[in-house]
Amino acid sequence: MDYQHIAPLAQKIKTNVQKVIIGKEKEIELVLAAMICGGHVLLEDVPGTGKTTLAKALAKSMNGAFARVQFTPDLLPADVTGTRVFRQQTGDFAFVRGPVFTNILLADEINRATPRTQSALLECMEERQVSEGGVTYPLEAPFLVIATQNPVETQGTFPLPEAQLDRFLIRISLGYPTQEEALQMMRRFRMDSPLASLESVADMQELREAAALYASCEVSEPVMRYMAALCEAARDPARVRLGPSPRALLSLMRACQALAAVRGRDYVIPDDVKELAVCVLAHRIVMRGMHAQSAAAFVTELLSTLPVPTEEAL
């Protein structure tokens, strides 16, 4: 595979997923971009909007392994990563792999688990490995965590700490369908779910090759300066208690490269930065004051005030 094949590959997967998920073209592209650049996705939305269905459809489309873990207060770290068990036949301990050993892991309602269990995902998400009993077990690439949480119901939940939020490349929501999309959904699901008969259109090797190629997407000096200026402005100490980290800046650049590749371009444009800034940066920002504007509104405001690189500069 060469760079030119990334966009057709992404288009095949997106078209296949849209047999099940009506509309939501942009959101599917963002999830694909996250997978290609090795990021993870936090889906924050009310129940029933298709979060689980999206993850399953994506896994089936690329013939990947899929695992779903329902996070609850009594879930233990070993229930996610695996644990060592004693085997009487051999008289020694053997590691039994947990559901994290997959290609797409759906961490459903992640904020219902205790911080101890939430933290079990940190090493998996960042280092792509599990450490147990002094032994390191690598996770197979591609590895994508799609975590969900309900932004409305907060009783009995444990909000994700900033360190774990920073591990997610993007935070998005699917939202409710339009009336026309709702009609299409009812027609398509009237007899049976199309997810059951969904066939794969790609394989793991193609995704791995795309992940190795996307970084060749060109990012010009003016666009890099634009990203750096945006992150610096988002650390305004008068309004912000915690601003975007250097990891956030690099995540923004890589997400822009992957999205450009998904859309068939070999270069990043300022519009990519504008499109991705809120979903990459907002969940990493903690605002000051009880009645402060939301982080998403703050990033949107910055985008409207910062000078954008012109075509001549690019």
C-alpha atoms as a PDB file:
ATOM      1  CA  MET A   1       0.000   0.000   0.000  1.00  0.00           C
ATOM      2  CA  ASP A   2       1.117   3.578  -0.634  1.00  0.00           C
ATOM      3  CA  TYR A   3      -0.207   6.866   0.740  1.00  0.00           C
ATOM      4  CA  GLN A   4      -2.744   7.238  -2.083  1.00  0.00           C
ATOM      5  CA  HIS A   5      -4.600   4.120  -0.920  1.00  0.00           C
ATOM      6  CA  ILE A   6      -5.506   5.486   2.527  1.00  0.00           C
ATOM      7  CA  ALA A   7      -8.484   7.544   1.301  1.00  0.00           C
ATOM      8  CA  PRO A   8     -10.079   4.689  -0.751  1.00  0.00           C
ATOM      9  CA  LEU A   9      -9.609   2.355   2.233  1.00  0.00           C
ATOM     10  CA  ALA A  10     -11.275   4.832   4.583  1.00  0.00           C
ATOM     11  CA  GLN A  11     -14.088   5.406   2.081  1.00  0.00           C
ATOM     12  CA  LYS A  12     -14.769   1.657   1.842  1.00  0.00           C
ATOM     13  CA  ILE A  13     -14.993   1.308   5.600  1.00  0.00           C
ATOM     14  CA  LYS A  14     -17.100   4.469   6.002  1.00  0.00           C
ATOM     15  CA  THR A  15     -19.581   3.379   3.320  1.00  0.00           C
ATOM     16  CA  ASN A  16     -19.889  -0.029   4.945  1.00  0.00           C
ATOM     17  CA  VAL A  17     -20.438   1.412   8.432  1.00  0.00           C
ATOM     18  CA  GLN A  18     -23.113   3.730   7.011  1.00  0.00           C
ATOM     19  CA  LYS A  19     -25.162   0.675   6.092  1.00  0.00           C
ATOM     20  CA  VAL A  20     -25.825   0.488   9.828  1.00  0.00           C
ATOM     21  CA  ILE A  21     -25.198   4.025  11.132  1.00  0.00           C
ATOM     22  CA  ILE A  22     -27.430   6.440   9.245  1.00  0.00           C
ATOM     23  CA  GLY A  23     -25.659   9.710   8.418  1.00  0.00           C
ATOM     24  CA  LYS A  24     -22.904  10.754  10.850  1.00  0.00           C
ATOM     25  CA  GLU A  25     -20.332  10.903   8.036  1.00  0.00           C
ATOM     26  CA  LYS A  26     -18.083  13.343   9.872  1.00  0.00           C
ATOM     27  CA  GLU A  27     -18.130  11.344  13.108  1.00  0.00           C
ATOM     28  CA  ILE A  28     -17.235   8.118  11.290  1.00  0.00           C
ATOM     29  CA  GLU A  29     -14.344   9.892   9.551  1.00  0.00           C
ATOM     30  CA  LEU A  30     -13.078  11.169  12.898  1.00  0.00           C
ATOM     31  CA  VAL A  31     -13.127   7.684  14.420  1.00  0.00           C
ATOM     32  CA  LEU A  32     -11.294   6.298  11.379  1.00  0.00           C
ATOM     33  CA  ALA A  33      -8.703   9.078  11.629  1.00  0.00           C
ATOM     34  CA  ALA A  34      -8.232   8.266  15.330  1.00  0.00           C
ATOM     35  CA  MET A  35      -7.667   4.598  14.552  1.00  0.00           C
ATOM     36  CA  ILE A  36      -5.170   5.338  11.779  1.00  0.00           C
ATOM     37  CA  CYS A  37      -3.065   7.644  13.931  1.00  0.00           C
ATOM     38  CA  GLY A  38      -3.220   5.358  16.975  1.00  0.00           C
ATOM     39  CA  GLY A  39      -5.570   7.470  19.080  1.00  0.00           C
ATOM     40  CA  HIS A  40      -8.589   6.615  21.207  1.00  0.00           C
ATOM     41  CA  VAL A  41     -12.134   7.943  21.200  1.00  0.00           C
ATOM     42  CA  LEU A  42     -14.391   9.152  24.020  1.00  0.00           C
ATOM     43  CA  LEU A  43     -18.040   9.057  22.938  1.00  0.00           C
ATOM     44  CA  GLU A  44     -20.064  11.252  25.261  1.00  0.00           C
ATOM     45  CA  ASP A  45     -23.752  10.954  24.516  1.00  0.00           C
ATOM     46  CA  VAL A  46     -27.101   9.873  25.907  1.00  0.00           C
ATOM     47  CA  PRO A  47     -28.063   6.172  25.705  1.00  0.00           C
ATOM     48  CA  GLY A  48     -29.455   4.787  22.475  1.00  0.00           C
ATOM     49  CA  THR A  49     -27.682   7.014  19.962  1.00  0.00           C
ATOM     50  CA  GLY A  50     -25.650   4.203  18.355  1.00  0.00           C
ATOM     51  CA  LYS A  51     -22.342   4.247  20.239  1.00  0.00           C
ATOM     52  CA  THR A  52     -22.113   0.469  20.647  1.00  0.00           C
ATOM     53  CA  THR A  53     -23.455  -0.134  17.146  1.00  0.00           C
ATOM     54  CA  LEU A  54     -20.794   2.153  15.661  1.00  0.00           C
ATOM     55  CA  ALA A  55     -18.001   0.248  17.419  1.00  0.00           C
ATOM     56  CA  LYS A  56     -19.368  -3.139  16.329  1.00  0.00           C
ATOM     57  CA  ALA A  57     -19.909  -2.013  12.737  1.00  0.00           C
ATOM     58  CA  LEU A  58     -16.366  -0.652  12.562  1.00  0.00           C
ATOM     59  CA  ALA A  59     -14.895  -3.917  13.888  1.00  0.00           C
ATOM     60  CA  LYS A  60     -16.908  -6.027  11.429  1.00  0.00           C
ATOM     61  CA  SER A  61     -16.025  -3.746   8.517  1.00  0.00           C
ATOM     62  CA  MET A  62     -12.297  -4.263   9.003  1.00  0.00           C
ATOM     63  CA  ASN A  63     -12.565  -7.920  10.099  1.00  0.00           C
ATOM     64  CA  GLY A  64     -11.122  -7.052  13.503  1.00  0.00           C
ATOM     65  CA  ALA A  65     -11.564  -8.521  16.958  1.00  0.00           C
ATOM     66  CA  PHE A  66     -14.146  -6.722  19.095  1.00  0.00           C
ATOM     67  CA  ALA A  67     -14.673  -6.806  22.859  1.00  0.00           C
ATOM     68  CA  ARG A  68     -17.164  -4.955  25.021  1.00  0.00           C
ATOM     69  CA  VAL A  69     -16.753  -4.355  28.744  1.00  0.00           C
ATOM     70  CA  GLN A  70     -19.609  -2.933  30.789  1.00  0.00           C
ATOM     71  CA  PHE A  71     -17.923  -0.765  33.398  1.00  0.00           C
ATOM     72  CA  THR A  72     -19.566  -1.009  36.826  1.00  0.00           C
ATOM     73  CA  PRO A  73     -18.438  -0.054  40.359  1.00  0.00           C
ATOM     74  CA  ASP A  74     -17.526  -3.684  41.172  1.00  0.00           C
ATOM     75  CA  LEU A  75     -15.393  -4.203  38.057  1.00  0.00           C
ATOM     76  CA  LEU A  76     -11.764  -5.016  38.902  1.00  0.00           C
ATOM     77  CA  PRO A  77      -8.631  -4.140  36.877  1.00  0.00           C
ATOM     78  CA  ALA A  78      -8.017  -7.859  36.263  1.00  0.00           C
ATOM     79  CA  ASP A  79     -11.468  -8.081  34.654  1.00  0.00           C
ATOM     80  CA  VAL A  80     -10.157  -5.749  31.953  1.00  0.00           C
ATOM     81  CA  THR A  81      -6.488  -6.619  31.501  1.00  0.00           C
ATOM     82  CA  GLY A  82      -6.413 -10.258  32.613  1.00  0.00           C
ATOM     83  CA  THR A  83      -4.816 -12.055  35.537  1.00  0.00           C
ATOM     84  CA  ARG A  84      -2.553 -14.937  36.485  1.00  0.00           C
ATOM     85  CA  VAL A  85      -4.205 -18.181  37.570  1.00  0.00           C
ATOM     86  CA  PHE A  86      -2.670 -21.268  39.138  1.00  0.00           C
ATOM     87  CA  ARG A  87      -2.805 -24.406  37.007  1.00  0.00           C
ATOM     88  CA  GLN A  88      -2.758 -27.591  39.054  1.00  0.00           C
ATOM     89  CA  GLN A  89      -1.710 -29.740  36.096  1.00  0.00           C
ATOM     90  CA  THR A  90       1.595 -27.881  35.656  1.00  0.00           C
ATOM     91  CA  GLY A  91       2.041 -26.479  39.159  1.00  0.00           C
ATOM     92  CA  ASP A  92       2.707 -22.928  37.958  1.00  0.00           C
ATOM     93  CA  PHE A  93       0.881 -19.715  37.171  1.00  0.00           C
ATOM     94  CA  ALA A  94      -0.373 -18.827  33.687  1.00  0.00           C
ATOM     95  CA  PHE A  95      -1.618 -15.495  32.419  1.00  0.00           C
ATOM     96  CA  VAL A  96      -5.223 -15.488  31.218  1.00  0.00           C
ATOM     97  CA  ARG A  97      -5.741 -12.580  28.847  1.00  0.00           C
ATOM     98  CA  GLY A  98      -8.560 -10.134  29.471  1.00  0.00           C
ATOM     99  CA  PRO A  99     -10.881  -8.450  26.957  1.00  0.00           C
ATOM    100  CA  VAL A 100      -8.329  -5.675  26.370  1.00  0.00           C
ATOM    101  CA  PHE A 101      -6.486  -8.078  24.032  1.00  0.00           C
ATOM    102  CA  THR A 102      -8.530  -7.120  20.986  1.00  0.00           C
ATOM    103  CA  ASN A 103      -8.535  -4.617  18.124  1.00  0.00           C
ATOM    104  CA  ILE A 104     -11.519  -2.511  19.180  1.00  0.00           C
ATOM    105  CA  LEU A 105     -12.409  -2.333  22.869  1.00  0.00           C
ATOM    106  CA  LEU A 106     -15.717  -0.751  23.799  1.00  0.00           C
ATOM    107  CA  ALA A 107     -15.424   0.533  27.382  1.00  0.00           C
ATOM    108  CA  ASP A 108     -19.121   1.118  27.986  1.00  0.00           C
ATOM    109  CA  GLU A 109     -20.003   3.739  30.614  1.00  0.00           C
ATOM    110  CA  ILE A 110     -16.370   4.023  31.644  1.00  0.00           C
ATOM    111  CA  ASN A 111     -17.141   6.599  34.334  1.00  0.00           C
ATOM    112  CA  ARG A 112     -19.150   4.038  36.344  1.00  0.00           C
ATOM    113  CA  ALA A 113     -16.023   2.086  37.280  1.00  0.00           C
ATOM    114  CA  THR A 114     -13.778   3.062  40.189  1.00  0.00           C
ATOM    115  CA  PRO A 115     -10.622   5.107  39.518  1.00  0.00           C
ATOM    116  CA  ARG A 116      -8.532   1.990  40.192  1.00  0.00           C
ATOM    117  CA  THR A 117     -10.214   0.129  37.347  1.00  0.00           C
ATOM    118  CA  GLN A 118     -10.199   3.170  35.076  1.00  0.00           C
ATOM    119  CA  SER A 119      -6.448   3.481  35.578  1.00  0.00           C
ATOM    120  CA  ALA A 120      -5.976  -0.112  34.381  1.00  0.00           C
ATOM    121  CA  LEU A 121      -6.563   1.195  30.871  1.00  0.00           C
ATOM    122  CA  LEU A 122      -3.842   3.863  31.038  1.00  0.00           C
ATOM    123  CA  GLU A 123      -0.905   1.590  30.190  1.00  0.00           C
ATOM    124  CA  CYS A 124      -2.974  -0.202  27.541  1.00  0.00           C
ATOM    125  CA  MET A 125      -3.947   3.043  25.824  1.00  0.00           C
ATOM    126  CA  GLU A 126      -0.537   4.715  25.918  1.00  0.00           C
ATOM    127  CA  GLU A 127       2.060   1.925  25.741  1.00  0.00           C
ATOM    128  CA  ARG A 128      -0.119  -0.685  23.982  1.00  0.00           C
ATOM    129  CA  GLN A 129       0.843  -3.325  26.499  1.00  0.00           C
ATOM    130  CA  VAL A 130      -0.228  -5.042  29.717  1.00  0.00           C
ATOM    131  CA  SER A 131       2.220  -5.668  32.569  1.00  0.00           C
ATOM    132  CA  GLU A 132       1.438  -8.524  34.927  1.00  0.00           C
ATOM    133  CA  GLY A 133       3.742 -10.376  37.295  1.00  0.00           C
ATOM    134  CA  GLY A 134       6.841  -8.741  35.900  1.00  0.00           C
ATOM    135  CA  VAL A 135       6.008  -9.789  32.334  1.00  0.00           C
ATOM    136  CA  THR A 136       4.931  -7.422  29.552  1.00  0.00           C
ATOM    137  CA  TYR A 137       2.330  -8.581  27.049  1.00  0.00           C
ATOM    138  CA  PRO A 138       2.054  -6.423  23.899  1.00  0.00           C
ATOM    139  CA  LEU A 139      -1.325  -5.588  22.377  1.00  0.00           C
ATOM    140  CA  GLU A 140      -1.844  -6.287  18.705  1.00  0.00           C
ATOM    141  CA  ALA A 141      -2.124  -3.289  16.381  1.00  0.00           C
ATOM    142  CA  PRO A 142      -4.397  -1.663  15.514  1.00  0.00           C
ATOM    143  CA  PHE A 143      -5.761  -1.134  19.008  1.00  0.00           C
ATOM    144  CA  LEU A 144      -8.595   1.338  19.522  1.00  0.00           C
ATOM    145  CA  VAL A 145     -10.447   2.094  22.747  1.00  0.00           C
ATOM    146  CA  ILE A 146     -13.906   3.571  22.270  1.00  0.00           C
ATOM    147  CA  ALA A 147     -15.112   4.641  25.701  1.00  0.00           C
ATOM    148  CA  THR A 148     -18.627   5.913  26.319  1.00  0.00           C
ATOM    149  CA  GLN A 149     -20.178   7.955  29.058  1.00  0.00           C
ATOM    150  CA  ASN A 150     -23.573   9.524  29.657  1.00  0.00           C
ATOM    151  CA  PRO A 151     -23.182  13.299  30.207  1.00  0.00           C
ATOM    152  CA  VAL A 152     -26.623  13.624  31.816  1.00  0.00           C
ATOM    153  CA  GLU A 153     -26.670  10.920  34.500  1.00  0.00           C
ATOM    154  CA  THR A 154     -23.912  11.550  37.045  1.00  0.00           C
ATOM    155  CA  GLN A 155     -25.217   9.744  40.152  1.00  0.00           C
ATOM    156  CA  GLY A 156     -22.943   6.846  41.114  1.00  0.00           C
ATOM    157  CA  THR A 157     -20.222   7.787  38.636  1.00  0.00           C
ATOM    158  CA  PHE A 158     -16.516   8.546  38.978  1.00  0.00           C
ATOM    159  CA  PRO A 159     -15.498  11.406  36.667  1.00  0.00           C
ATOM    160  CA  LEU A 160     -12.442  10.606  34.577  1.00  0.00           C
ATOM    161  CA  PRO A 161      -9.342  12.362  35.954  1.00  0.00           C
ATOM    162  CA  GLU A 162      -7.456  14.770  33.711  1.00  0.00           C
ATOM    163  CA  ALA A 163      -4.597  12.282  33.246  1.00  0.00           C
ATOM    164  CA  GLN A 164      -6.954   9.755  31.698  1.00  0.00           C
ATOM    165  CA  LEU A 165      -8.891  12.290  29.637  1.00  0.00           C
ATOM    166  CA  ASP A 166      -5.555  13.302  28.130  1.00  0.00           C
ATOM    167  CA  ARG A 167      -5.171   9.729  26.778  1.00  0.00           C
ATOM    168  CA  PHE A 168      -8.169  10.169  24.482  1.00  0.00           C
ATOM    169  CA  LEU A 169      -7.339  11.687  21.125  1.00  0.00           C
ATOM    170  CA  ILE A 170     -10.846  13.018  20.527  1.00  0.00           C
ATOM    171  CA  ARG A 171     -14.123  13.440  22.371  1.00  0.00           C
ATOM    172  CA  ILE A 172     -17.213  13.472  20.177  1.00  0.00           C
ATOM    173  CA  SER A 173     -20.936  12.802  20.342  1.00  0.00           C
ATOM    174  CA  LEU A 174     -23.190  11.240  17.710  1.00  0.00           C
ATOM    175  CA  GLY A 175     -26.269  13.237  18.633  1.00  0.00           C
ATOM    176  CA  TYR A 176     -29.859  12.603  17.648  1.00  0.00           C
ATOM    177  CA  PRO A 177     -30.736  11.872  14.010  1.00  0.00           C
ATOM    178  CA  THR A 178     -32.570  14.367  11.852  1.00  0.00           C
ATOM    179  CA  GLN A 179     -36.165  13.564  10.909  1.00  0.00           C
ATOM    180  CA  GLU A 180     -35.086  12.274   7.494  1.00  0.00           C
ATOM    181  CA  GLU A 181     -32.329  10.152   9.072  1.00  0.00           C
ATOM    182  CA  ALA A 182     -34.863   8.770  11.556  1.00  0.00           C
ATOM    183  CA  LEU A 183     -37.147   7.722   8.688  1.00  0.00           C
ATOM    184  CA  GLN A 184     -34.259   6.005   6.900  1.00  0.00           C
ATOM    185  CA  MET A 185     -33.368   4.246  10.132  1.00  0.00           C
ATOM    186  CA  MET A 186     -36.878   2.878  10.616  1.00  0.00           C
ATOM    187  CA  ARG A 187     -37.046   1.655   7.020  1.00  0.00           C
ATOM    188  CA  ARG A 188     -33.652  -0.044   7.268  1.00  0.00           C
ATOM    189  CA  PHE A 189     -34.234  -1.648  10.675  1.00  0.00           C
ATOM    190  CA  ARG A 190     -37.914  -2.544  10.119  1.00  0.00           C
ATOM    191  CA  MET A 191     -37.309  -6.222   9.371  1.00  0.00           C
ATOM    192  CA  ASP A 192     -33.927  -6.918  10.939  1.00  0.00           C
ATOM    193  CA  SER A 193     -30.697  -5.223  12.004  1.00  0.00           C
ATOM    194  CA  PRO A 194     -28.289  -4.784   9.061  1.00  0.00           C
ATOM    195  CA  LEU A 195     -25.422  -5.211  11.533  1.00  0.00           C
ATOM    196  CA  ALA A 196     -26.033  -8.983  11.631  1.00  0.00           C
ATOM    197  CA  SER A 197     -25.301  -9.359   7.910  1.00  0.00           C
ATOM    198  CA  LEU A 198     -22.562  -6.718   7.653  1.00  0.00           C
ATOM    199  CA  GLU A 199     -19.483  -8.069   5.871  1.00  0.00           C
ATOM    200  CA  SER A 200     -15.857  -6.969   6.149  1.00  0.00           C
ATOM    201  CA  VAL A 201     -14.399  -4.732   3.446  1.00  0.00           C
ATOM    202  CA  ALA A 202     -10.837  -4.411   4.805  1.00  0.00           C
ATOM    203  CA  ASP A 203      -8.382  -6.305   6.974  1.00  0.00           C
ATOM    204  CA  MET A 204      -5.947  -5.646   9.787  1.00  0.00           C
ATOM    205  CA  GLN A 205      -2.912  -5.533   7.520  1.00  0.00           C
ATOM    206  CA  GLU A 206      -4.385  -2.670   5.489  1.00  0.00           C
ATOM    207  CA  LEU A 207      -5.043  -0.699   8.673  1.00  0.00           C
ATOM    208  CA  ARG A 208      -1.511  -1.327   9.896  1.00  0.00           C
ATOM    209  CA  GLU A 209      -0.077  -0.133   6.585  1.00  0.00           C
ATOM    210  CA  ALA A 210      -2.245   2.997   6.682  1.00  0.00           C
ATOM    211  CA  ALA A 211      -1.023   3.696  10.223  1.00  0.00           C
ATOM    212  CA  ALA A 212       2.568   3.498   9.013  1.00  0.00           C
ATOM    213  CA  LEU A 213       1.948   5.903   6.109  1.00  0.00           C
ATOM    214  CA  TYR A 214      -0.325   8.685   7.375  1.00  0.00           C
ATOM    215  CA  ALA A 215       2.536  10.624   9.050  1.00  0.00           C
ATOM    216  CA  SER A 216       4.001  11.447   5.630  1.00  0.00           C
ATOM    217  CA  CYS A 217       1.154  13.965   5.266  1.00  0.00           C
ATOM    218  CA  GLU A 218       2.802  17.379   4.986  1.00  0.00           C
ATOM    219  CA  VAL A 219       2.310  19.965   7.758  1.00  0.00           C
ATOM    220  CA  SER A 220       3.673  23.353   6.705  1.00  0.00           C
ATOM    221  CA  GLU A 221       5.497  25.665   9.092  1.00  0.00           C
ATOM    222  CA  PRO A 222       2.651  28.252   9.154  1.00  0.00           C
ATOM    223  CA  VAL A 223       0.101  25.548  10.039  1.00  0.00           C
ATOM    224  CA  MET A 224       2.351  24.220  12.812  1.00  0.00           C
ATOM    225  CA  ARG A 225       2.706  27.752  14.166  1.00  0.00           C
ATOM    226  CA  TYR A 226      -1.082  28.108  14.027  1.00  0.00           C
ATOM    227  CA  MET A 227      -1.519  24.954  16.130  1.00  0.00           C
ATOM    228  CA  ALA A 228       1.142  26.046  18.613  1.00  0.00           C
ATOM    229  CA  ALA A 229      -0.422  29.503  18.939  1.00  0.00           C
ATOM    230  CA  LEU A 230      -3.843  27.954  19.548  1.00  0.00           C
ATOM    231  CA  CYS A 231      -2.566  25.710  22.339  1.00  0.00           C
ATOM    232  CA  GLU A 232      -0.610  28.569  23.903  1.00  0.00           C
ATOM    233  CA  ALA A 233      -3.682  30.834  23.859  1.00  0.00           C
ATOM    234  CA  ALA A 234      -5.696  28.018  25.468  1.00  0.00           C
ATOM    235  CA  ARG A 235      -3.382  28.188  28.507  1.00  0.00           C
ATOM    236  CA  ASP A 236      -4.558  31.685  29.462  1.00  0.00           C
ATOM    237  CA  PRO A 237      -3.961  31.668  33.270  1.00  0.00           C
ATOM    238  CA  ALA A 238      -6.712  34.223  33.873  1.00  0.00           C
ATOM    239  CA  ARG A 239      -9.402  31.901  32.494  1.00  0.00           C
ATOM    240  CA  VAL A 240      -7.874  28.432  32.459  1.00  0.00           C
ATOM    241  CA  ARG A 241      -6.820  26.270  35.397  1.00  0.00           C
ATOM    242  CA  LEU A 242      -5.410  23.484  33.230  1.00  0.00           C
ATOM    243  CA  GLY A 243      -4.499  24.008  29.600  1.00  0.00           C
ATOM    244  CA  PRO A 244      -3.550  21.705  26.718  1.00  0.00           C
ATOM    245  CA  SER A 245      -0.375  19.723  27.332  1.00  0.00           C
ATOM    246  CA  PRO A 246       2.422  19.141  24.791  1.00  0.00           C
ATOM    247  CA  ARG A 247       0.784  15.744  24.204  1.00  0.00           C
ATOM    248  CA  ALA A 248      -2.400  17.612  23.249  1.00  0.00           C
ATOM    249  CA  LEU A 249      -0.492  19.681  20.683  1.00  0.00           C
ATOM    250  CA  LEU A 250       1.063  16.573  19.122  1.00  0.00           C
ATOM    251  CA  SER A 251      -2.325  14.853  19.181  1.00  0.00           C
ATOM    252  CA  LEU A 252      -3.856  17.769  17.292  1.00  0.00           C
ATOM    253  CA  MET A 253      -1.144  17.588  14.626  1.00  0.00           C
ATOM    254  CA  ARG A 254      -1.448  13.810  14.202  1.00  0.00           C
ATOM    255  CA  ALA A 255      -5.238  13.951  14.087  1.00  0.00           C
ATOM    256  CA  CYS A 256      -5.044  16.614  11.369  1.00  0.00           C
ATOM    257  CA  GLN A 257      -2.599  14.477   9.371  1.00  0.00           C
ATOM    258  CA  ALA A 258      -4.817  11.399   9.661  1.00  0.00           C
ATOM    259  CA  LEU A 259      -7.999  13.298   8.750  1.00  0.00           C
ATOM    260  CA  ALA A 260      -6.297  14.845   5.717  1.00  0.00           C
ATOM    261  CA  ALA A 261      -5.184  11.358   4.634  1.00  0.00           C
ATOM    262  CA  VAL A 262      -8.699   9.972   5.109  1.00  0.00           C
ATOM    263  CA  ARG A 263     -10.019  12.754   2.862  1.00  0.00           C
ATOM    264  CA  GLY A 264      -7.433  12.176   0.154  1.00  0.00           C
ATOM    265  CA  ARG A 265      -5.016  15.046   0.790  1.00  0.00           C
ATOM    266  CA  ASP A 266      -1.270  14.776   1.396  1.00  0.00           C
ATOM    267  CA  TYR A 267      -1.107  18.079   3.263  1.00  0.00           C
ATOM    268  CA  VAL A 268      -2.850  19.663   6.263  1.00  0.00           C
ATOM    269  CA  ILE A 269      -4.834  22.882   5.857  1.00  0.00           C
ATOM    270  CA  PRO A 270      -5.972  25.365   8.532  1.00  0.00           C
ATOM    271  CA  ASP A 271      -9.563  24.139   8.134  1.00  0.00           C
ATOM    272  CA  ASP A 272      -8.437  20.736   9.446  1.00  0.00           C
ATOM    273  CA  VAL A 273      -7.178  22.461  12.595  1.00  0.00           C
ATOM    274  CA  LYS A 274     -10.437  24.383  12.978  1.00  0.00           C
ATOM    275  CA  GLU A 275     -12.513  21.242  12.523  1.00  0.00           C
ATOM    276  CA  LEU A 276     -10.541  19.173  15.022  1.00  0.00           C
ATOM    277  CA  ALA A 277      -9.563  21.761  17.651  1.00  0.00           C
ATOM    278  CA  VAL A 278     -12.682  21.415  19.820  1.00  0.00           C
ATOM    279  CA  CYS A 279     -12.858  17.600  19.838  1.00  0.00           C
ATOM    280  CA  VAL A 280      -9.102  17.252  20.437  1.00  0.00           C
ATOM    281  CA  LEU A 281      -8.484  20.065  22.938  1.00  0.00           C
ATOM    282  CA  ALA A 282     -11.699  20.857  24.845  1.00  0.00           C
ATOM    283  CA  HIS A 283     -11.731  17.740  27.052  1.00  0.00           C
ATOM    284  CA  ARG A 284      -8.123  18.480  28.099  1.00  0.00           C
ATOM    285  CA  ILE A 285      -8.929  21.993  29.355  1.00  0.00           C
ATOM    286  CA  VAL A 286     -10.214  22.865  32.839  1.00  0.00           C
ATOM    287  CA  MET A 287     -11.735  26.336  33.068  1.00  0.00           C
ATOM    288  CA  ARG A 288     -11.634  28.613  36.118  1.00  0.00           C
ATOM    289  CA  GLY A 289     -14.729  29.651  38.047  1.00  0.00           C
ATOM    290  CA  MET A 290     -18.022  27.935  38.708  1.00  0.00           C
ATOM    291  CA  HIS A 291     -19.846  29.905  36.028  1.00  0.00           C
ATOM    292  CA  ALA A 292     -17.087  29.962  33.446  1.00  0.00           C
ATOM    293  CA  GLN A 293     -17.917  29.222  29.831  1.00  0.00           C
ATOM    294  CA  SER A 294     -17.427  25.653  28.682  1.00  0.00           C
ATOM    295  CA  ALA A 295     -14.068  24.573  27.350  1.00  0.00           C
ATOM    296  CA  ALA A 296     -15.617  23.896  23.932  1.00  0.00           C
ATOM    297  CA  ALA A 297     -16.988  27.438  23.747  1.00  0.00           C
ATOM    298  CA  PHE A 298     -13.601  28.763  24.852  1.00  0.00           C
ATOM    299  CA  VAL A 299     -11.752  26.919  22.068  1.00  0.00           C
ATOM    300  CA  THR A 300     -14.357  28.075  19.535  1.00  0.00           C
ATOM    301  CA  GLU A 301     -13.814  31.652  20.687  1.00  0.00           C
ATOM    302  CA  LEU A 302     -10.044  31.308  20.276  1.00  0.00           C
ATOM    303  CA  LEU A 303     -10.497  29.976  16.744  1.00  0.00           C
ATOM    304  CA  SER A 304     -12.516  33.068  15.843  1.00  0.00           C
ATOM    305  CA  THR A 305      -9.867  35.467  17.144  1.00  0.00           C
ATOM    306  CA  LEU A 306      -6.538  33.879  16.197  1.00  0.00           C
ATOM    307  CA  PRO A 307      -5.131  34.900  12.788  1.00  0.00           C
ATOM    308  CA  VAL A 308      -5.377  32.042  10.275  1.00  0.00           C
ATOM    309  CA  PRO A 309      -2.475  31.294   7.898  1.00  0.00           C
ATOM    310  CA  THR A 310      -3.250  32.612   4.427  1.00  0.00           C
ATOM    311  CA  GLU A 311      -2.816  30.684   1.193  1.00  0.00           C
ATOM    312  CA  GLU A 312       0.268  32.773   0.363  1.00  0.00           C
ATOM    313  CA  ALA A 313       1.879  31.768   3.663  1.00  0.00           C
ATOM    314  CA  LEU A 314       1.191  28.087   3.013  1.00  0.00           C
END
